[in-house]
Amino acid sequence: MPTVPDALKMLTEMPTGTIKERRDRAMVAIAFLGALRADTVTSLWLKHVNFDTRLIYQNASEVRAKNGKSLKVEFFPMPEEFEKAVRDWKEELLELGFTDKDALFPDESNLPADHIGEDRDPVPVMSSTHAIANAFKIASKPLGQTVTPHNAKHCIGNLGVVMCPRLRTH
């Protein structure tokens, strides 16, 4: 299970030369930032992440959420690089013509912006978790161990125990 320094190493050593690599990096970042399940990450829309309030809106009628639960997730206290990776990604999409009605993490086939225009259907969310699993596989190489989105949830759980000792079990 990764520690916060491990997670930071994963994030900062990910490649960013292509739009797909920046998308993958942002997926890894938001998984830690919100302790989100892989299926939730891959089904987020741009409107679900608000940097002013530092919230991720997990609306179960729009996002694949475990047990159909809607909730607001505050960003966890991760190093600033995590929020920056997601913010930069969202800004890149908006500059390409994406809107809040579009997927935050579109499939590779929807990353080129040549089909973006005013009269169009929203860019759909991913139909599977394959891309985030692959992003975590790439991100975890520098650690010499396999880290999954589920491990990110455990990392955040351990962070909570460190920050709030009353959470420790005796």
N, C-alpha and C. Protein backbone atom coordinates (compact mmCIF):
# COMPACT_ATOMS: atom_id res chain seq x y z
N MET A 1 0.85 -1.18 0.00
CA MET A 1 0.00 0.00 0.00
C MET A 1 0.89 1.24 0.00
N PRO A 2 0.61 2.21 -0.86
CA PRO A 2 1.48 3.38 -0.95
C PRO A 2 1.28 4.36 0.21
N THR A 3 2.33 5.05 0.54
CA THR A 3 2.26 6.15 1.49
C THR A 3 2.04 7.43 0.67
N VAL A 4 1.83 8.55 1.35
CA VAL A 4 1.67 9.81 0.63
C VAL A 4 2.94 10.14 -0.16
N PRO A 5 4.15 9.98 0.41
CA PRO A 5 5.35 10.21 -0.40
C PRO A 5 5.43 9.27 -1.62
N ASP A 6 5.00 8.02 -1.46
CA ASP A 6 4.97 7.09 -2.60
C ASP A 6 4.02 7.60 -3.67
N ALA A 7 2.84 8.04 -3.24
CA ALA A 7 1.84 8.56 -4.19
C ALA A 7 2.39 9.77 -4.94
N LEU A 8 3.09 10.63 -4.22
CA LEU A 8 3.67 11.81 -4.86
C LEU A 8 4.73 11.40 -5.88
N LYS A 9 5.54 10.42 -5.54
CA LYS A 9 6.54 9.91 -6.47
C LYS A 9 5.86 9.35 -7.72
N MET A 10 4.79 8.59 -7.52
CA MET A 10 4.04 8.04 -8.65
C MET A 10 3.59 9.16 -9.57
N LEU A 11 2.97 10.18 -8.98
CA LEU A 11 2.39 11.26 -9.77
C LEU A 11 3.45 12.07 -10.49
N THR A 12 4.49 12.46 -9.78
CA THR A 12 5.48 13.35 -10.37
C THR A 12 6.35 12.67 -11.42
N GLU A 13 6.44 11.35 -11.37
CA GLU A 13 7.26 10.64 -12.35
C GLU A 13 6.47 10.13 -13.56
N MET A 14 5.15 10.40 -13.57
CA MET A 14 4.36 10.00 -14.73
C MET A 14 4.69 10.89 -15.92
N PRO A 15 4.70 10.30 -17.12
CA PRO A 15 4.95 11.13 -18.32
C PRO A 15 3.77 12.07 -18.59
N THR A 16 4.06 13.21 -19.24
CA THR A 16 3.03 14.21 -19.53
C THR A 16 3.16 14.77 -20.95
N GLY A 17 3.87 14.07 -21.83
CA GLY A 17 4.14 14.59 -23.16
C GLY A 17 2.96 14.55 -24.11
N THR A 18 1.98 13.70 -23.86
CA THR A 18 0.82 13.60 -24.75
C THR A 18 -0.45 13.91 -23.97
N ILE A 19 -1.51 14.18 -24.68
CA ILE A 19 -2.80 14.46 -24.02
C ILE A 19 -3.27 13.23 -23.23
N LYS A 20 -3.04 12.04 -23.77
CA LYS A 20 -3.43 10.81 -23.06
C LYS A 20 -2.64 10.68 -21.76
N GLU A 21 -1.34 10.99 -21.79
CA GLU A 21 -0.52 10.90 -20.58
C GLU A 21 -0.98 11.92 -19.53
N ARG A 22 -1.37 13.10 -19.95
CA ARG A 22 -1.86 14.10 -19.00
C ARG A 22 -3.21 13.68 -18.43
N ARG A 23 -4.05 13.05 -19.26
CA ARG A 23 -5.32 12.52 -18.77
C ARG A 23 -5.06 11.44 -17.72
N ASP A 24 -4.16 10.52 -18.04
CA ASP A 24 -3.86 9.42 -17.13
C ASP A 24 -3.31 9.94 -15.80
N ARG A 25 -2.46 10.94 -15.88
CA ARG A 25 -1.89 11.54 -14.66
C ARG A 25 -2.99 12.17 -13.81
N ALA A 26 -3.91 12.86 -14.45
CA ALA A 26 -5.02 13.48 -13.72
C ALA A 26 -5.93 12.43 -13.10
N MET A 27 -6.11 11.29 -13.77
CA MET A 27 -6.92 10.22 -13.18
C MET A 27 -6.28 9.68 -11.91
N VAL A 28 -4.98 9.47 -11.95
CA VAL A 28 -4.27 9.00 -10.76
C VAL A 28 -4.39 10.04 -9.65
N ALA A 29 -4.21 11.31 -10.00
CA ALA A 29 -4.28 12.38 -9.01
C ALA A 29 -5.64 12.44 -8.33
N ILE A 30 -6.71 12.37 -9.11
CA ILE A 30 -8.04 12.51 -8.51
C ILE A 30 -8.42 11.28 -7.69
N ALA A 31 -7.88 10.12 -8.05
CA ALA A 31 -8.15 8.92 -7.26
C ALA A 31 -7.62 9.09 -5.83
N PHE A 32 -6.45 9.71 -5.71
CA PHE A 32 -5.89 9.99 -4.38
C PHE A 32 -6.59 11.19 -3.75
N LEU A 33 -6.83 12.22 -4.52
CA LEU A 33 -7.41 13.45 -4.01
C LEU A 33 -8.80 13.23 -3.39
N GLY A 34 -9.55 12.30 -3.98
CA GLY A 34 -10.90 12.05 -3.47
C GLY A 34 -11.13 10.66 -2.93
N ALA A 35 -10.07 9.83 -2.88
CA ALA A 35 -10.21 8.43 -2.44
C ALA A 35 -11.37 7.77 -3.20
N LEU A 36 -11.35 7.93 -4.51
CA LEU A 36 -12.45 7.47 -5.35
C LEU A 36 -12.20 6.09 -5.93
N ARG A 37 -13.26 5.34 -6.12
CA ARG A 37 -13.20 4.06 -6.80
C ARG A 37 -12.90 4.29 -8.28
N ALA A 38 -12.30 3.29 -8.91
CA ALA A 38 -11.94 3.39 -10.33
C ALA A 38 -13.17 3.69 -11.19
N ASP A 39 -14.28 3.02 -10.92
CA ASP A 39 -15.49 3.22 -11.72
C ASP A 39 -16.04 4.64 -11.56
N THR A 40 -15.88 5.20 -10.38
CA THR A 40 -16.33 6.57 -10.16
C THR A 40 -15.45 7.55 -10.94
N VAL A 41 -14.14 7.37 -10.86
CA VAL A 41 -13.22 8.26 -11.58
C VAL A 41 -13.55 8.27 -13.06
N THR A 42 -13.72 7.10 -13.66
CA THR A 42 -13.91 7.03 -15.11
C THR A 42 -15.30 7.48 -15.56
N SER A 43 -16.18 7.77 -14.61
CA SER A 43 -17.52 8.23 -15.00
C SER A 43 -17.82 9.66 -14.56
N LEU A 44 -16.79 10.39 -14.14
CA LEU A 44 -16.99 11.79 -13.75
C LEU A 44 -17.14 12.69 -14.98
N TRP A 45 -17.92 13.75 -14.81
CA TRP A 45 -18.07 14.79 -15.81
C TRP A 45 -17.30 16.02 -15.32
N LEU A 46 -16.97 16.94 -16.19
CA LEU A 46 -16.23 18.13 -15.78
C LEU A 46 -16.95 18.88 -14.66
N LYS A 47 -18.27 18.92 -14.72
CA LYS A 47 -19.05 19.65 -13.71
C LYS A 47 -18.94 19.06 -12.31
N HIS A 48 -18.45 17.85 -12.19
CA HIS A 48 -18.38 17.19 -10.88
C HIS A 48 -17.19 17.61 -10.03
N VAL A 49 -16.26 18.36 -10.59
CA VAL A 49 -15.08 18.78 -9.83
C VAL A 49 -15.08 20.31 -9.74
N ASN A 50 -15.11 20.82 -8.50
CA ASN A 50 -15.16 22.26 -8.28
C ASN A 50 -13.94 22.67 -7.45
N PHE A 51 -13.06 23.45 -8.04
CA PHE A 51 -11.83 23.85 -7.36
C PHE A 51 -12.07 25.00 -6.38
N ASP A 52 -13.13 25.79 -6.58
CA ASP A 52 -13.43 26.87 -5.64
C ASP A 52 -13.86 26.30 -4.29
N THR A 53 -14.68 25.27 -4.31
CA THR A 53 -15.16 24.65 -3.07
C THR A 53 -14.28 23.47 -2.64
N ARG A 54 -13.37 23.04 -3.55
CA ARG A 54 -12.49 21.89 -3.32
C ARG A 54 -13.33 20.64 -3.05
N LEU A 55 -14.35 20.46 -3.91
CA LEU A 55 -15.26 19.32 -3.77
C LEU A 55 -15.37 18.54 -5.06
N ILE A 56 -15.60 17.24 -4.90
CA ILE A 56 -15.96 16.35 -5.99
C ILE A 56 -17.40 15.93 -5.71
N TYR A 57 -18.29 16.23 -6.65
CA TYR A 57 -19.70 15.89 -6.49
C TYR A 57 -19.95 14.53 -7.11
N GLN A 58 -20.21 13.56 -6.29
CA GLN A 58 -20.47 12.21 -6.76
C GLN A 58 -21.99 12.03 -6.81
N ASN A 59 -22.58 12.47 -7.92
CA ASN A 59 -24.02 12.39 -8.11
C ASN A 59 -24.34 11.01 -8.68
N ALA A 60 -24.97 10.18 -7.89
CA ALA A 60 -25.20 8.78 -8.28
C ALA A 60 -26.11 8.63 -9.49
N SER A 61 -26.86 9.68 -9.84
CA SER A 61 -27.69 9.58 -11.04
C SER A 61 -26.87 9.84 -12.31
N GLU A 62 -25.63 10.32 -12.13
CA GLU A 62 -24.77 10.63 -13.27
C GLU A 62 -23.44 9.88 -13.24
N VAL A 63 -23.02 9.43 -12.08
CA VAL A 63 -21.72 8.80 -11.89
C VAL A 63 -21.93 7.37 -11.40
N ARG A 64 -21.05 6.48 -11.82
CA ARG A 64 -21.13 5.10 -11.34
C ARG A 64 -20.57 5.06 -9.91
N ALA A 65 -21.48 5.12 -8.96
CA ALA A 65 -21.11 5.17 -7.55
C ALA A 65 -21.53 3.88 -6.86
N LYS A 66 -20.70 3.43 -5.94
CA LYS A 66 -20.99 2.19 -5.21
C LYS A 66 -22.31 2.33 -4.46
N ASN A 67 -23.17 1.35 -4.61
CA ASN A 67 -24.48 1.30 -3.96
C ASN A 67 -25.35 2.52 -4.28
N GLY A 68 -25.07 3.19 -5.40
CA GLY A 68 -25.89 4.32 -5.83
C GLY A 68 -25.89 5.49 -4.86
N LYS A 69 -24.78 5.67 -4.14
CA LYS A 69 -24.70 6.75 -3.16
C LYS A 69 -24.22 8.05 -3.80
N SER A 70 -24.98 9.13 -3.55
CA SER A 70 -24.53 10.46 -3.94
C SER A 70 -23.85 11.08 -2.73
N LEU A 71 -22.73 11.75 -2.97
CA LEU A 71 -22.05 12.45 -1.88
C LEU A 71 -21.13 13.51 -2.41
N LYS A 72 -20.77 14.41 -1.51
CA LYS A 72 -19.79 15.44 -1.83
C LYS A 72 -18.51 15.05 -1.11
N VAL A 73 -17.42 14.95 -1.86
CA VAL A 73 -16.14 14.54 -1.30
C VAL A 73 -15.21 15.75 -1.29
N GLU A 74 -14.77 16.13 -0.10
CA GLU A 74 -13.78 17.20 0.00
C GLU A 74 -12.42 16.66 -0.41
N PHE A 75 -11.63 17.48 -1.08
CA PHE A 75 -10.28 17.08 -1.43
C PHE A 75 -9.53 16.70 -0.16
N PHE A 76 -8.85 15.58 -0.19
CA PHE A 76 -8.05 15.17 0.95
C PHE A 76 -6.76 15.97 0.96
N PRO A 77 -6.12 16.10 2.12
CA PRO A 77 -4.93 16.94 2.23
C PRO A 77 -3.68 16.28 1.64
N MET A 78 -3.67 16.23 0.34
CA MET A 78 -2.54 15.68 -0.39
C MET A 78 -1.64 16.83 -0.84
N PRO A 79 -0.39 16.55 -1.21
CA PRO A 79 0.47 17.61 -1.72
C PRO A 79 -0.20 18.34 -2.89
N GLU A 80 0.13 19.61 -3.05
CA GLU A 80 -0.54 20.47 -4.05
C GLU A 80 -0.44 19.94 -5.47
N GLU A 81 0.55 19.10 -5.77
CA GLU A 81 0.71 18.56 -7.12
C GLU A 81 -0.52 17.76 -7.56
N PHE A 82 -1.24 17.16 -6.62
CA PHE A 82 -2.42 16.37 -6.97
C PHE A 82 -3.54 17.26 -7.48
N GLU A 83 -3.84 18.30 -6.74
CA GLU A 83 -4.88 19.23 -7.18
C GLU A 83 -4.47 19.91 -8.48
N LYS A 84 -3.20 20.30 -8.59
CA LYS A 84 -2.71 20.97 -9.79
C LYS A 84 -2.85 20.08 -11.02
N ALA A 85 -2.58 18.80 -10.90
CA ALA A 85 -2.69 17.89 -12.04
C ALA A 85 -4.13 17.83 -12.55
N VAL A 86 -5.09 17.79 -11.64
CA VAL A 86 -6.50 17.72 -12.04
C VAL A 86 -6.96 19.08 -12.57
N ARG A 87 -6.56 20.14 -11.89
CA ARG A 87 -6.94 21.49 -12.34
C ARG A 87 -6.39 21.76 -13.76
N ASP A 88 -5.11 21.45 -13.96
CA ASP A 88 -4.50 21.66 -15.28
C ASP A 88 -5.21 20.85 -16.35
N TRP A 89 -5.59 19.62 -16.01
CA TRP A 89 -6.29 18.76 -16.96
C TRP A 89 -7.65 19.36 -17.32
N LYS A 90 -8.40 19.78 -16.31
CA LYS A 90 -9.72 20.35 -16.57
C LYS A 90 -9.59 21.61 -17.43
N GLU A 91 -8.62 22.45 -17.10
CA GLU A 91 -8.40 23.67 -17.89
C GLU A 91 -8.01 23.35 -19.33
N GLU A 92 -7.20 22.31 -19.52
CA GLU A 92 -6.82 21.91 -20.88
C GLU A 92 -8.05 21.50 -21.68
N LEU A 93 -8.93 20.73 -21.06
CA LEU A 93 -10.15 20.32 -21.76
C LEU A 93 -11.03 21.52 -22.10
N LEU A 94 -11.19 22.43 -21.15
CA LEU A 94 -12.02 23.62 -21.41
C LEU A 94 -11.44 24.45 -22.54
N GLU A 95 -10.11 24.56 -22.60
CA GLU A 95 -9.46 25.30 -23.69
C GLU A 95 -9.67 24.61 -25.04
N LEU A 96 -9.86 23.29 -25.01
CA LEU A 96 -10.10 22.53 -26.24
C LEU A 96 -11.57 22.61 -26.68
N GLY A 97 -12.42 23.22 -25.87
CA GLY A 97 -13.83 23.35 -26.24
C GLY A 97 -14.75 22.41 -25.50
N PHE A 98 -14.23 21.65 -24.56
CA PHE A 98 -15.09 20.80 -23.74
C PHE A 98 -15.90 21.70 -22.81
N THR A 99 -17.04 21.18 -22.32
CA THR A 99 -17.89 21.93 -21.40
C THR A 99 -18.15 21.06 -20.16
N ASP A 100 -18.83 21.64 -19.19
CA ASP A 100 -19.16 20.90 -17.97
C ASP A 100 -20.04 19.68 -18.24
N LYS A 101 -20.66 19.61 -19.42
CA LYS A 101 -21.51 18.47 -19.77
C LYS A 101 -20.72 17.31 -20.37
N ASP A 102 -19.39 17.48 -20.47
CA ASP A 102 -18.53 16.46 -21.08
C ASP A 102 -17.80 15.65 -20.01
N ALA A 103 -17.34 14.48 -20.42
CA ALA A 103 -16.57 13.61 -19.54
C ALA A 103 -15.29 14.31 -19.08
N LEU A 104 -14.96 14.13 -17.81
CA LEU A 104 -13.69 14.65 -17.30
C LEU A 104 -12.53 13.82 -17.83
N PHE A 105 -12.76 12.53 -18.00
CA PHE A 105 -11.72 11.63 -18.51
C PHE A 105 -12.27 10.85 -19.69
N PRO A 106 -12.29 11.47 -20.87
CA PRO A 106 -12.83 10.79 -22.05
C PRO A 106 -11.91 9.68 -22.55
N ASP A 107 -12.51 8.74 -23.27
CA ASP A 107 -11.71 7.72 -23.96
C ASP A 107 -10.75 8.40 -24.91
N GLU A 108 -9.70 7.69 -25.25
CA GLU A 108 -8.67 8.22 -26.16
C GLU A 108 -9.28 8.69 -27.48
N SER A 109 -10.29 7.97 -27.97
CA SER A 109 -10.91 8.34 -29.25
C SER A 109 -11.62 9.69 -29.19
N ASN A 110 -11.94 10.16 -27.99
CA ASN A 110 -12.63 11.44 -27.81
C ASN A 110 -11.70 12.56 -27.35
N LEU A 111 -10.40 12.28 -27.28
CA LEU A 111 -9.48 13.33 -26.84
C LEU A 111 -9.17 14.36 -27.91
N PRO A 112 -9.06 14.02 -29.18
CA PRO A 112 -8.86 15.09 -30.17
C PRO A 112 -10.07 16.01 -30.17
N ALA A 113 -9.81 17.28 -30.32
CA ALA A 113 -10.89 18.27 -30.20
C ALA A 113 -11.55 18.63 -31.52
N ASP A 114 -11.24 17.92 -32.60
CA ASP A 114 -11.77 18.32 -33.90
C ASP A 114 -13.28 18.16 -34.02
N HIS A 115 -13.87 17.36 -33.15
CA HIS A 115 -15.32 17.17 -33.21
C HIS A 115 -16.07 18.05 -32.20
N ILE A 116 -15.35 18.88 -31.48
CA ILE A 116 -15.97 19.72 -30.46
C ILE A 116 -16.59 20.94 -31.13
N GLY A 117 -17.85 21.20 -30.77
CA GLY A 117 -18.56 22.35 -31.28
C GLY A 117 -19.77 22.62 -30.40
N GLU A 118 -20.52 23.64 -30.74
CA GLU A 118 -21.66 24.01 -29.90
C GLU A 118 -22.81 23.03 -30.03
N ASP A 119 -23.13 22.61 -31.25
CA ASP A 119 -24.27 21.72 -31.48
C ASP A 119 -23.79 20.28 -31.57
N ARG A 120 -23.61 19.68 -30.42
CA ARG A 120 -23.09 18.32 -30.39
C ARG A 120 -23.58 17.61 -29.13
N ASP A 121 -23.48 16.30 -29.17
CA ASP A 121 -23.77 15.53 -27.97
C ASP A 121 -22.60 15.65 -27.01
N PRO A 122 -22.86 15.48 -25.72
CA PRO A 122 -21.75 15.52 -24.77
C PRO A 122 -20.72 14.42 -25.05
N VAL A 123 -19.45 14.70 -24.76
CA VAL A 123 -18.41 13.69 -24.88
C VAL A 123 -18.67 12.68 -23.76
N PRO A 124 -18.86 11.41 -24.10
CA PRO A 124 -19.24 10.42 -23.08
C PRO A 124 -18.10 10.04 -22.14
N VAL A 125 -18.51 9.53 -20.98
CA VAL A 125 -17.55 9.00 -20.02
C VAL A 125 -17.08 7.63 -20.51
N MET A 126 -16.01 7.16 -19.92
CA MET A 126 -15.47 5.84 -20.27
C MET A 126 -16.46 4.75 -19.87
N SER A 127 -16.48 3.69 -20.65
CA SER A 127 -17.39 2.59 -20.35
C SER A 127 -16.76 1.53 -19.45
N SER A 128 -15.44 1.60 -19.25
CA SER A 128 -14.78 0.62 -18.40
C SER A 128 -13.68 1.31 -17.59
N THR A 129 -13.06 0.54 -16.71
CA THR A 129 -11.99 1.06 -15.86
C THR A 129 -10.61 0.70 -16.40
N HIS A 130 -10.54 0.19 -17.61
CA HIS A 130 -9.27 -0.24 -18.18
C HIS A 130 -8.23 0.90 -18.19
N ALA A 131 -8.62 2.09 -18.58
CA ALA A 131 -7.67 3.20 -18.70
C ALA A 131 -7.07 3.59 -17.36
N ILE A 132 -7.89 3.61 -16.31
CA ILE A 132 -7.34 3.99 -15.00
C ILE A 132 -6.46 2.87 -14.44
N ALA A 133 -6.83 1.63 -14.71
CA ALA A 133 -5.97 0.52 -14.27
C ALA A 133 -4.61 0.62 -14.94
N ASN A 134 -4.62 0.93 -16.23
CA ASN A 134 -3.36 1.08 -16.97
C ASN A 134 -2.58 2.30 -16.47
N ALA A 135 -3.26 3.39 -16.16
CA ALA A 135 -2.60 4.59 -15.65
C ALA A 135 -1.90 4.28 -14.32
N PHE A 136 -2.56 3.53 -13.46
CA PHE A 136 -1.94 3.17 -12.18
C PHE A 136 -0.77 2.21 -12.38
N LYS A 137 -0.88 1.35 -13.38
CA LYS A 137 0.23 0.43 -13.67
C LYS A 137 1.47 1.23 -14.07
N ILE A 138 1.29 2.22 -14.93
CA ILE A 138 2.40 3.08 -15.36
C ILE A 138 2.93 3.89 -14.18
N ALA A 139 2.01 4.46 -13.40
CA ALA A 139 2.40 5.32 -12.28
C ALA A 139 3.16 4.57 -11.20
N SER A 140 2.84 3.30 -11.01
CA SER A 140 3.46 2.56 -9.91
C SER A 140 4.82 1.95 -10.27
N LYS A 141 5.22 2.00 -11.52
CA LYS A 141 6.53 1.43 -11.92
C LYS A 141 7.70 1.96 -11.09
N PRO A 142 7.79 3.27 -10.83
CA PRO A 142 8.93 3.76 -10.04
C PRO A 142 9.00 3.18 -8.63
N LEU A 143 7.88 2.68 -8.13
CA LEU A 143 7.87 2.12 -6.78
C LEU A 143 8.29 0.66 -6.76
N GLY A 144 8.28 0.01 -7.91
CA GLY A 144 8.62 -1.40 -7.96
C GLY A 144 7.54 -2.29 -7.37
N GLN A 145 6.35 -1.77 -7.27
CA GLN A 145 5.20 -2.55 -6.77
C GLN A 145 3.96 -2.11 -7.52
N THR A 146 2.98 -2.96 -7.55
CA THR A 146 1.73 -2.62 -8.22
C THR A 146 0.82 -1.86 -7.26
N VAL A 147 0.37 -0.71 -7.70
CA VAL A 147 -0.57 0.10 -6.92
C VAL A 147 -1.83 0.24 -7.75
N THR A 148 -2.97 0.07 -7.12
CA THR A 148 -4.26 0.15 -7.79
C THR A 148 -5.06 1.34 -7.25
N PRO A 149 -6.13 1.72 -7.93
CA PRO A 149 -6.98 2.77 -7.38
C PRO A 149 -7.50 2.40 -5.98
N HIS A 150 -7.75 1.13 -5.75
CA HIS A 150 -8.22 0.71 -4.43
C HIS A 150 -7.14 0.96 -3.37
N ASN A 151 -5.87 0.75 -3.75
CA ASN A 151 -4.76 1.06 -2.83
C ASN A 151 -4.73 2.55 -2.50
N ALA A 152 -5.13 3.40 -3.44
CA ALA A 152 -5.18 4.84 -3.18
C ALA A 152 -6.18 5.13 -2.06
N LYS A 153 -7.30 4.44 -2.06
CA LYS A 153 -8.29 4.61 -0.99
C LYS A 153 -7.68 4.24 0.36
N HIS A 154 -6.91 3.15 0.39
CA HIS A 154 -6.26 2.73 1.64
C HIS A 154 -5.21 3.75 2.08
N CYS A 155 -4.49 4.32 1.12
CA CYS A 155 -3.49 5.35 1.43
C CYS A 155 -4.17 6.52 2.13
N ILE A 156 -5.31 6.95 1.62
CA ILE A 156 -6.04 8.06 2.22
C ILE A 156 -6.58 7.66 3.59
N GLY A 157 -7.03 6.41 3.73
CA GLY A 157 -7.48 5.93 5.04
C GLY A 157 -6.36 5.99 6.06
N ASN A 158 -5.17 5.57 5.67
CA ASN A 158 -4.02 5.63 6.57
C ASN A 158 -3.65 7.08 6.89
N LEU A 159 -3.79 7.98 5.92
CA LEU A 159 -3.54 9.40 6.16
C LEU A 159 -4.49 9.91 7.23
N GLY A 160 -5.74 9.48 7.17
CA GLY A 160 -6.72 9.87 8.19
C GLY A 160 -6.33 9.40 9.57
N VAL A 161 -5.80 8.19 9.68
CA VAL A 161 -5.36 7.66 10.97
C VAL A 161 -4.19 8.47 11.51
N VAL A 162 -3.27 8.84 10.63
CA VAL A 162 -2.11 9.64 11.04
C VAL A 162 -2.56 11.03 11.51
N MET A 163 -3.47 11.63 10.76
CA MET A 163 -3.90 12.99 11.07
C MET A 163 -4.86 13.06 12.25
N CYS A 164 -5.58 11.98 12.47
CA CYS A 164 -6.60 11.96 13.52
C CYS A 164 -6.40 10.69 14.35
N PRO A 165 -5.51 10.73 15.34
CA PRO A 165 -5.17 9.53 16.12
C PRO A 165 -6.36 8.82 16.75
N ARG A 166 -7.46 9.52 16.97
CA ARG A 166 -8.64 8.87 17.56
C ARG A 166 -9.22 7.81 16.63
N LEU A 167 -8.83 7.83 15.36
CA LEU A 167 -9.32 6.81 14.42
C LEU A 167 -8.61 5.47 14.61
N ARG A 168 -7.49 5.48 15.31
CA ARG A 168 -6.73 4.24 15.52
C ARG A 168 -7.53 3.29 16.38
N THR A 169 -7.47 2.03 16.04
CA THR A 169 -8.12 1.02 16.84
C THR A 169 -7.12 0.45 17.83
N HIS A 170 -7.59 0.03 18.95
CA HIS A 170 -6.70 -0.49 20.00
C HIS A 170 -6.84 -1.99 20.09
